[in-house]
């Protein structure tokens, strides 16, 4: 149940960010739910592999290279989902940072409600 709620919150975050950012688009609510699901899958399978492969670059940049990895994950989701579009690396980077911030805010609100 907790995973489903996080998935729905992520889909809401994708919808809101697609409305705010001009370089990001999502066709429908179903597409945003699929984007949230694909991002969860990519973050759990592909991201750890990319982090291990790029560990020297991540260490040299003091962790800032993780932003590039997050943008690459967003662009992979763009490639796999036809109802989701991101116009380039810069928009993917901005979208990934704002999505992380928005998700952390929503999850902290959710955590306070359960206490």
C-alpha atoms as a PDB file:
ATOM      1  CA  UNK A   1       0.000   0.000   0.000  1.00  0.00           C
ATOM      2  CA  UNK A   2       2.857   2.347   0.819  1.00  0.00           C
ATOM      3  CA  UNK A   3       4.468   1.751  -2.597  1.00  0.00           C
ATOM      4  CA  UNK A   4       1.189   2.513  -4.359  1.00  0.00           C
ATOM      5  CA  UNK A   5       0.778   5.754  -2.425  1.00  0.00           C
ATOM      6  CA  UNK A   6       4.349   6.814  -3.258  1.00  0.00           C
ATOM      7  CA  UNK A   7       3.702   5.958  -6.893  1.00  0.00           C
ATOM      8  CA  UNK A   8       0.583   8.132  -6.967  1.00  0.00           C
ATOM      9  CA  UNK A   9       2.433  11.001  -5.272  1.00  0.00           C
ATOM     10  CA  UNK A  10       5.209  10.707  -7.832  1.00  0.00           C
ATOM     11  CA  UNK A  11       2.635  10.780 -10.632  1.00  0.00           C
ATOM     12  CA  UNK A  12       1.137  13.952  -9.141  1.00  0.00           C
ATOM     13  CA  UNK A  13       4.628  15.467  -8.983  1.00  0.00           C
ATOM     14  CA  UNK A  14       5.215  14.574 -12.648  1.00  0.00           C
ATOM     15  CA  UNK A  15       1.930  16.222 -13.651  1.00  0.00           C
ATOM     16  CA  UNK A  16       2.652  19.401 -11.691  1.00  0.00           C
ATOM     17  CA  UNK A  17       6.195  19.692 -13.045  1.00  0.00           C
ATOM     18  CA  UNK A  18       5.015  19.049 -16.603  1.00  0.00           C
ATOM     19  CA  UNK A  19       2.582  21.958 -16.207  1.00  0.00           C
ATOM     20  CA  UNK A  20       5.266  24.246 -14.757  1.00  0.00           C
ATOM     21  CA  UNK A  21       8.268  23.443 -16.968  1.00  0.00           C
ATOM     22  CA  UNK A  22       7.947  24.317 -20.669  1.00  0.00           C
ATOM     23  CA  UNK A  23      10.531  21.726 -21.747  1.00  0.00           C
ATOM     24  CA  UNK A  24       8.685  18.799 -20.179  1.00  0.00           C
ATOM     25  CA  UNK A  25       5.386  17.378 -21.330  1.00  0.00           C
ATOM     26  CA  UNK A  26       3.070  14.567 -20.334  1.00  0.00           C
ATOM     27  CA  UNK A  27      -0.022  13.596 -22.316  1.00  0.00           C
ATOM     28  CA  UNK A  28      -2.392  12.277 -19.651  1.00  0.00           C
ATOM     29  CA  UNK A  29      -2.777  11.143 -16.077  1.00  0.00           C
ATOM     30  CA  UNK A  30      -2.196   7.556 -17.143  1.00  0.00           C
ATOM     31  CA  UNK A  31       1.044   8.590 -18.814  1.00  0.00           C
ATOM     32  CA  UNK A  32       2.183  10.313 -15.629  1.00  0.00           C
ATOM     33  CA  UNK A  33       1.438   7.161 -13.633  1.00  0.00           C
ATOM     34  CA  UNK A  34       3.437   5.135 -16.158  1.00  0.00           C
ATOM     35  CA  UNK A  35       6.275   7.680 -15.914  1.00  0.00           C
ATOM     36  CA  UNK A  36       6.298   7.311 -12.125  1.00  0.00           C
ATOM     37  CA  UNK A  37       6.362   3.512 -12.421  1.00  0.00           C
ATOM     38  CA  UNK A  38       9.124   3.502 -15.050  1.00  0.00           C
ATOM     39  CA  UNK A  39      11.195   5.975 -13.020  1.00  0.00           C
ATOM     40  CA  UNK A  40      10.834   3.751  -9.956  1.00  0.00           C
ATOM     41  CA  UNK A  41      11.985   0.722 -11.964  1.00  0.00           C
ATOM     42  CA  UNK A  42      14.885   2.590 -13.581  1.00  0.00           C
ATOM     43  CA  UNK A  43      15.969   4.043 -10.234  1.00  0.00           C
ATOM     44  CA  UNK A  44      16.002   0.620  -8.630  1.00  0.00           C
ATOM     45  CA  UNK A  45      17.725  -1.304 -11.451  1.00  0.00           C
ATOM     46  CA  UNK A  46      19.680   1.002 -13.768  1.00  0.00           C
ATOM     47  CA  UNK A  47      20.756   3.769 -11.395  1.00  0.00           C
ATOM     48  CA  UNK A  48      22.861   1.574  -9.056  1.00  0.00           C
ATOM     49  CA  UNK A  49      24.711   0.164 -12.073  1.00  0.00           C
ATOM     50  CA  UNK A  50      25.400   3.660 -13.403  1.00  0.00           C
ATOM     51  CA  UNK A  51      26.535   4.855  -9.990  1.00  0.00           C
ATOM     52  CA  UNK A  52      29.034   2.010  -9.694  1.00  0.00           C
ATOM     53  CA  UNK A  53      30.325   2.500 -13.240  1.00  0.00           C
ATOM     54  CA  UNK A  54      30.791   6.246 -12.757  1.00  0.00           C
ATOM     55  CA  UNK A  55      32.119   6.117  -9.204  1.00  0.00           C
ATOM     56  CA  UNK A  56      35.441   7.834 -10.024  1.00  0.00           C
ATOM     57  CA  UNK A  57      33.671  10.759 -11.700  1.00  0.00           C
ATOM     58  CA  UNK A  58      31.230  10.980  -8.799  1.00  0.00           C
ATOM     59  CA  UNK A  59      34.040  11.061  -6.252  1.00  0.00           C
ATOM     60  CA  UNK A  60      36.032  13.664  -8.192  1.00  0.00           C
ATOM     61  CA  UNK A  61      32.988  15.944  -8.524  1.00  0.00           C
ATOM     62  CA  UNK A  62      32.034  15.377  -4.868  1.00  0.00           C
ATOM     63  CA  UNK A  63      28.736  13.771  -5.816  1.00  0.00           C
ATOM     64  CA  UNK A  64      27.578  16.349  -8.349  1.00  0.00           C
ATOM     65  CA  UNK A  65      27.840  13.787 -11.137  1.00  0.00           C
ATOM     66  CA  UNK A  66      24.802  12.074  -9.597  1.00  0.00           C
ATOM     67  CA  UNK A  67      22.751  14.939 -11.057  1.00  0.00           C
ATOM     68  CA  UNK A  68      23.908  13.881 -14.514  1.00  0.00           C
ATOM     69  CA  UNK A  69      22.937  10.279 -13.739  1.00  0.00           C
ATOM     70  CA  UNK A  70      19.479  11.440 -12.629  1.00  0.00           C
ATOM     71  CA  UNK A  71      19.081  13.417 -15.859  1.00  0.00           C
ATOM     72  CA  UNK A  72      20.115  10.329 -17.838  1.00  0.00           C
ATOM     73  CA  UNK A  73      17.442   8.296 -16.025  1.00  0.00           C
ATOM     74  CA  UNK A  74      14.837  10.931 -16.957  1.00  0.00           C
ATOM     75  CA  UNK A  75      15.951  10.822 -20.597  1.00  0.00           C
ATOM     76  CA  UNK A  76      15.737   7.006 -20.550  1.00  0.00           C
ATOM     77  CA  UNK A  77      12.160   7.294 -19.304  1.00  0.00           C
ATOM     78  CA  UNK A  78      11.498   9.782 -22.107  1.00  0.00           C
ATOM     79  CA  UNK A  79      12.829   7.241 -24.607  1.00  0.00           C
ATOM     80  CA  UNK A  80      10.656   4.393 -23.291  1.00  0.00           C
ATOM     81  CA  UNK A  81       7.367   6.279 -22.782  1.00  0.00           C
ATOM     82  CA  UNK A  82       5.602   7.775 -25.779  1.00  0.00           C
ATOM     83  CA  UNK A  83       3.330  10.071 -23.715  1.00  0.00           C
ATOM     84  CA  UNK A  84       6.246  11.728 -21.923  1.00  0.00           C
ATOM     85  CA  UNK A  85       8.682  14.176 -23.500  1.00  0.00           C
ATOM     86  CA  UNK A  86      11.734  16.048 -22.269  1.00  0.00           C
ATOM     87  CA  UNK A  87      13.512  18.529 -24.539  1.00  0.00           C
ATOM     88  CA  UNK A  88      17.187  17.912 -23.828  1.00  0.00           C
ATOM     89  CA  UNK A  89      19.662  17.481 -21.008  1.00  0.00           C
ATOM     90  CA  UNK A  90      19.035  20.812 -19.326  1.00  0.00           C
ATOM     91  CA  UNK A  91      15.297  20.197 -18.959  1.00  0.00           C
ATOM     92  CA  UNK A  92      15.988  16.649 -17.763  1.00  0.00           C
ATOM     93  CA  UNK A  93      18.383  18.004 -15.150  1.00  0.00           C
ATOM     94  CA  UNK A  94      15.930  20.667 -13.964  1.00  0.00           C
ATOM     95  CA  UNK A  95      13.076  18.145 -13.961  1.00  0.00           C
ATOM     96  CA  UNK A  96      15.067  15.595 -11.936  1.00  0.00           C
ATOM     97  CA  UNK A  97      16.106  18.139  -9.311  1.00  0.00           C
ATOM     98  CA  UNK A  98      12.597  19.559  -8.941  1.00  0.00           C
ATOM     99  CA  UNK A  99      11.060  16.080  -8.912  1.00  0.00           C
ATOM    100  CA  UNK A 100      13.370  15.067  -6.066  1.00  0.00           C
ATOM    101  CA  UNK A 101      12.516  18.197  -4.093  1.00  0.00           C
ATOM    102  CA  UNK A 102       8.782  17.843  -4.745  1.00  0.00           C
ATOM    103  CA  UNK A 103       8.779  14.142  -3.803  1.00  0.00           C
ATOM    104  CA  UNK A 104      10.681  14.786  -0.578  1.00  0.00           C
ATOM    105  CA  UNK A 105       8.188  17.494   0.411  1.00  0.00           C
ATOM    106  CA  UNK A 106       5.208  15.254  -0.335  1.00  0.00           C
ATOM    107  CA  UNK A 107       6.749  12.296   1.497  1.00  0.00           C
ATOM    108  CA  UNK A 108       7.583  14.420   4.550  1.00  0.00           C
ATOM    109  CA  UNK A 109       3.987  15.643   4.665  1.00  0.00           C
ATOM    110  CA  UNK A 110       2.816  12.054   4.377  1.00  0.00           C
ATOM    111  CA  UNK A 111       5.182  10.985   7.154  1.00  0.00           C
ATOM    112  CA  UNK A 112       3.829  13.707   9.486  1.00  0.00           C
ATOM    113  CA  UNK A 113       0.257  12.550   8.866  1.00  0.00           C
ATOM    114  CA  UNK A 114       1.086   9.001   9.972  1.00  0.00           C
ATOM    115  CA  UNK A 115       2.726  10.130  13.238  1.00  0.00           C
END
